[in-house]
Amino acid sequence: MLWNLLGFHQIAQRTISTASRRHFENKVPEKQKLFQEDNGIPVHLKDGVADALLYRATMVLTVGGTAYAIYQLTMASFPKKQD
């Protein structure tokens, strides 16, 4: 069969397989402890620097996008006069 000749059959079996080859340490209890402690930090920032950077980048893009949209709406509202 063509599948066997090209090796696709083996590749398809490997990608569909549900057996995990790597065993990872269960970090769920540590994360639960981190997120449940009452330290005054909002939950969306508790995971550290990466969360803070993602939050700030999201805020910058949101504010910048909103300002740009308002600018474009203003420019569209007052078209340039053509002589």
N, C-alpha and C. Protein backbone atom coordinates (compact mmCIF):
# COMPACT_ATOMS: atom_id res chain seq x y z
N MET A 1 0.84 -1.18 0.00
CA MET A 1 0.00 0.00 0.00
C MET A 1 0.89 1.24 0.00
N LEU A 2 0.40 2.33 -0.56
CA LEU A 2 1.18 3.56 -0.69
C LEU A 2 1.53 4.16 0.66
N TRP A 3 0.61 4.04 1.63
CA TRP A 3 0.86 4.59 2.98
C TRP A 3 2.10 3.95 3.60
N ASN A 4 2.21 2.62 3.46
CA ASN A 4 3.36 1.92 4.04
C ASN A 4 4.65 2.27 3.33
N LEU A 5 4.58 2.48 2.03
CA LEU A 5 5.78 2.81 1.28
C LEU A 5 6.34 4.16 1.69
N LEU A 6 5.50 5.11 1.95
CA LEU A 6 5.95 6.46 2.28
C LEU A 6 6.17 6.67 3.77
N GLY A 7 5.81 5.71 4.56
CA GLY A 7 6.04 5.82 6.00
C GLY A 7 4.96 6.63 6.72
N PHE A 8 3.91 7.03 6.03
CA PHE A 8 2.86 7.82 6.65
C PHE A 8 2.11 7.03 7.70
N HIS A 9 2.03 5.75 7.51
CA HIS A 9 1.29 4.92 8.46
C HIS A 9 1.92 5.00 9.85
N GLN A 10 3.25 4.92 9.91
CA GLN A 10 3.93 4.99 11.20
C GLN A 10 3.79 6.38 11.82
N ILE A 11 3.91 7.40 10.99
CA ILE A 11 3.79 8.78 11.50
C ILE A 11 2.38 9.01 12.04
N ALA A 12 1.38 8.55 11.32
CA ALA A 12 0.00 8.74 11.76
C ALA A 12 -0.25 8.02 13.07
N GLN A 13 0.31 6.83 13.23
CA GLN A 13 0.12 6.10 14.48
C GLN A 13 0.78 6.81 15.64
N ARG A 14 1.95 7.42 15.41
CA ARG A 14 2.64 8.12 16.48
C ARG A 14 1.89 9.37 16.93
N THR A 15 1.33 10.11 15.99
CA THR A 15 0.65 11.35 16.36
C THR A 15 -0.71 11.09 17.00
N ILE A 16 -1.33 9.99 16.67
CA ILE A 16 -2.66 9.68 17.22
C ILE A 16 -2.54 9.00 18.58
N SER A 17 -1.43 8.40 18.85
CA SER A 17 -1.22 7.66 20.09
C SER A 17 -1.46 8.56 21.30
N THR A 18 -2.16 8.04 22.30
CA THR A 18 -2.45 8.82 23.50
C THR A 18 -1.44 8.54 24.61
N ALA A 19 -0.58 7.59 24.42
CA ALA A 19 0.40 7.26 25.45
C ALA A 19 1.47 8.35 25.48
N SER A 20 1.72 8.85 26.66
CA SER A 20 2.73 9.88 26.82
C SER A 20 4.10 9.24 26.98
N ARG A 21 5.08 9.78 26.27
CA ARG A 21 6.43 9.23 26.38
C ARG A 21 7.21 9.92 27.50
N ARG A 22 6.86 11.14 27.81
CA ARG A 22 7.54 11.87 28.89
C ARG A 22 6.64 11.91 30.11
N HIS A 23 7.26 11.83 31.24
CA HIS A 23 6.51 11.93 32.48
C HIS A 23 6.90 13.23 33.16
N PHE A 24 5.91 14.07 33.38
CA PHE A 24 6.14 15.36 34.00
C PHE A 24 5.72 15.32 35.46
N GLU A 25 6.39 16.14 36.24
CA GLU A 25 6.04 16.24 37.65
C GLU A 25 4.72 16.99 37.79
N ASN A 26 3.86 16.53 38.66
CA ASN A 26 2.57 17.18 38.88
C ASN A 26 2.78 18.44 39.71
N LYS A 27 2.57 19.60 39.09
CA LYS A 27 2.78 20.88 39.77
C LYS A 27 1.46 21.54 40.17
N VAL A 28 0.37 20.83 40.02
CA VAL A 28 -0.94 21.40 40.34
C VAL A 28 -1.05 21.81 41.81
N PRO A 29 -0.64 20.99 42.78
CA PRO A 29 -0.76 21.44 44.17
C PRO A 29 0.02 22.72 44.46
N GLU A 30 1.22 22.85 43.84
CA GLU A 30 2.00 24.07 44.04
C GLU A 30 1.28 25.29 43.47
N LYS A 31 0.73 25.12 42.27
CA LYS A 31 0.01 26.23 41.63
C LYS A 31 -1.24 26.60 42.43
N GLN A 32 -1.96 25.59 42.93
CA GLN A 32 -3.14 25.87 43.74
C GLN A 32 -2.76 26.68 44.98
N LYS A 33 -1.69 26.30 45.62
CA LYS A 33 -1.24 27.01 46.81
C LYS A 33 -0.89 28.46 46.47
N LEU A 34 -0.18 28.65 45.35
CA LEU A 34 0.22 29.98 44.90
C LEU A 34 -0.99 30.87 44.64
N PHE A 35 -1.97 30.34 43.92
CA PHE A 35 -3.12 31.15 43.52
C PHE A 35 -4.12 31.35 44.65
N GLN A 36 -4.11 30.50 45.67
CA GLN A 36 -5.08 30.63 46.75
C GLN A 36 -4.58 31.46 47.92
N GLU A 37 -3.29 31.75 47.99
CA GLU A 37 -2.80 32.53 49.13
C GLU A 37 -3.26 33.98 49.00
N ASP A 38 -3.59 34.55 50.14
CA ASP A 38 -4.14 35.91 50.19
C ASP A 38 -3.00 36.89 50.42
N ASN A 39 -2.43 37.40 49.31
CA ASN A 39 -1.31 38.33 49.42
C ASN A 39 -1.60 39.68 48.74
N GLY A 40 -2.83 39.92 48.38
CA GLY A 40 -3.22 41.20 47.82
C GLY A 40 -2.93 41.37 46.34
N ILE A 41 -2.33 40.37 45.70
CA ILE A 41 -2.04 40.45 44.26
C ILE A 41 -3.24 39.89 43.50
N PRO A 42 -3.69 40.60 42.45
CA PRO A 42 -4.81 40.07 41.65
C PRO A 42 -4.43 38.72 41.03
N VAL A 43 -5.42 37.87 40.85
CA VAL A 43 -5.17 36.50 40.40
C VAL A 43 -4.54 36.48 39.01
N HIS A 44 -4.83 37.46 38.17
CA HIS A 44 -4.27 37.46 36.81
C HIS A 44 -2.81 37.90 36.79
N LEU A 45 -2.25 38.30 37.95
CA LEU A 45 -0.85 38.70 38.02
C LEU A 45 -0.02 37.83 38.97
N LYS A 46 -0.63 36.81 39.55
CA LYS A 46 0.04 36.02 40.59
C LYS A 46 1.14 35.10 40.07
N ASP A 47 1.18 34.83 38.79
CA ASP A 47 2.15 33.87 38.28
C ASP A 47 3.51 34.49 37.99
N GLY A 48 3.65 35.80 38.20
CA GLY A 48 4.98 36.40 38.10
C GLY A 48 5.15 37.42 37.00
N VAL A 49 6.40 37.56 36.56
CA VAL A 49 6.79 38.59 35.60
C VAL A 49 6.11 38.40 34.25
N ALA A 50 6.00 37.17 33.79
CA ALA A 50 5.38 36.90 32.49
C ALA A 50 3.94 37.40 32.47
N ASP A 51 3.20 37.17 33.56
CA ASP A 51 1.82 37.65 33.63
C ASP A 51 1.77 39.17 33.62
N ALA A 52 2.67 39.81 34.32
CA ALA A 52 2.70 41.27 34.37
C ALA A 52 3.01 41.84 32.99
N LEU A 53 3.96 41.22 32.28
CA LEU A 53 4.29 41.70 30.93
C LEU A 53 3.13 41.51 29.97
N LEU A 54 2.47 40.36 30.04
CA LEU A 54 1.30 40.13 29.17
C LEU A 54 0.18 41.12 29.48
N TYR A 55 -0.03 41.38 30.77
CA TYR A 55 -1.07 42.32 31.17
C TYR A 55 -0.77 43.72 30.64
N ARG A 56 0.48 44.16 30.81
CA ARG A 56 0.85 45.50 30.35
C ARG A 56 0.80 45.61 28.83
N ALA A 57 1.25 44.58 28.14
CA ALA A 57 1.19 44.59 26.67
C ALA A 57 -0.26 44.65 26.20
N THR A 58 -1.14 43.92 26.87
CA THR A 58 -2.55 43.94 26.51
C THR A 58 -3.15 45.32 26.73
N MET A 59 -2.80 45.95 27.85
CA MET A 59 -3.32 47.29 28.13
C MET A 59 -2.81 48.32 27.12
N VAL A 60 -1.52 48.24 26.77
CA VAL A 60 -0.95 49.17 25.80
C VAL A 60 -1.62 49.01 24.44
N LEU A 61 -1.78 47.76 24.01
CA LEU A 61 -2.44 47.52 22.71
C LEU A 61 -3.90 47.97 22.73
N THR A 62 -4.58 47.76 23.84
CA THR A 62 -5.98 48.16 23.94
C THR A 62 -6.13 49.67 23.91
N VAL A 63 -5.34 50.36 24.71
CA VAL A 63 -5.41 51.83 24.74
C VAL A 63 -4.97 52.41 23.41
N GLY A 64 -3.88 51.88 22.86
CA GLY A 64 -3.40 52.36 21.57
C GLY A 64 -4.39 52.12 20.45
N GLY A 65 -4.99 50.95 20.44
CA GLY A 65 -5.99 50.63 19.42
C GLY A 65 -7.23 51.50 19.54
N THR A 66 -7.65 51.76 20.76
CA THR A 66 -8.81 52.62 20.98
C THR A 66 -8.51 54.05 20.52
N ALA A 67 -7.34 54.55 20.86
CA ALA A 67 -6.96 55.90 20.43
C ALA A 67 -6.88 55.98 18.91
N TYR A 68 -6.32 54.97 18.28
CA TYR A 68 -6.21 54.96 16.82
C TYR A 68 -7.60 54.90 16.17
N ALA A 69 -8.49 54.10 16.73
CA ALA A 69 -9.85 54.00 16.19
C ALA A 69 -10.59 55.34 16.31
N ILE A 70 -10.43 56.01 17.45
CA ILE A 70 -11.07 57.33 17.62
C ILE A 70 -10.48 58.33 16.63
N TYR A 71 -9.16 58.30 16.44
CA TYR A 71 -8.50 59.18 15.47
C TYR A 71 -9.05 58.93 14.07
N GLN A 72 -9.15 57.68 13.67
CA GLN A 72 -9.65 57.35 12.33
C GLN A 72 -11.11 57.75 12.16
N LEU A 73 -11.91 57.57 13.19
CA LEU A 73 -13.31 58.01 13.12
C LEU A 73 -13.40 59.52 12.98
N THR A 74 -12.54 60.23 13.70
CA THR A 74 -12.52 61.69 13.61
C THR A 74 -12.11 62.12 12.21
N MET A 75 -11.10 61.51 11.64
CA MET A 75 -10.65 61.86 10.29
C MET A 75 -11.72 61.52 9.25
N ALA A 76 -12.45 60.44 9.46
CA ALA A 76 -13.52 60.07 8.53
C ALA A 76 -14.72 61.01 8.66
N SER A 77 -14.91 61.61 9.82
CA SER A 77 -16.05 62.50 10.05
C SER A 77 -15.87 63.84 9.36
N PHE A 78 -14.64 64.27 9.25
CA PHE A 78 -14.34 65.56 8.65
C PHE A 78 -13.46 65.36 7.42
N PRO A 79 -14.08 65.02 6.29
CA PRO A 79 -13.27 64.77 5.08
C PRO A 79 -12.62 66.06 4.57
N LYS A 80 -11.50 65.89 3.88
CA LYS A 80 -10.80 67.04 3.33
C LYS A 80 -11.62 67.60 2.17
N LYS A 81 -11.60 68.92 2.08
CA LYS A 81 -12.34 69.57 0.98
C LYS A 81 -11.53 69.42 -0.31
N GLN A 82 -12.22 69.08 -1.37
CA GLN A 82 -11.57 68.95 -2.67
C GLN A 82 -11.93 70.19 -3.49
N ASP A 83 -10.90 70.89 -3.98
CA ASP A 83 -11.14 72.11 -4.76
C ASP A 83 -11.38 71.80 -6.21
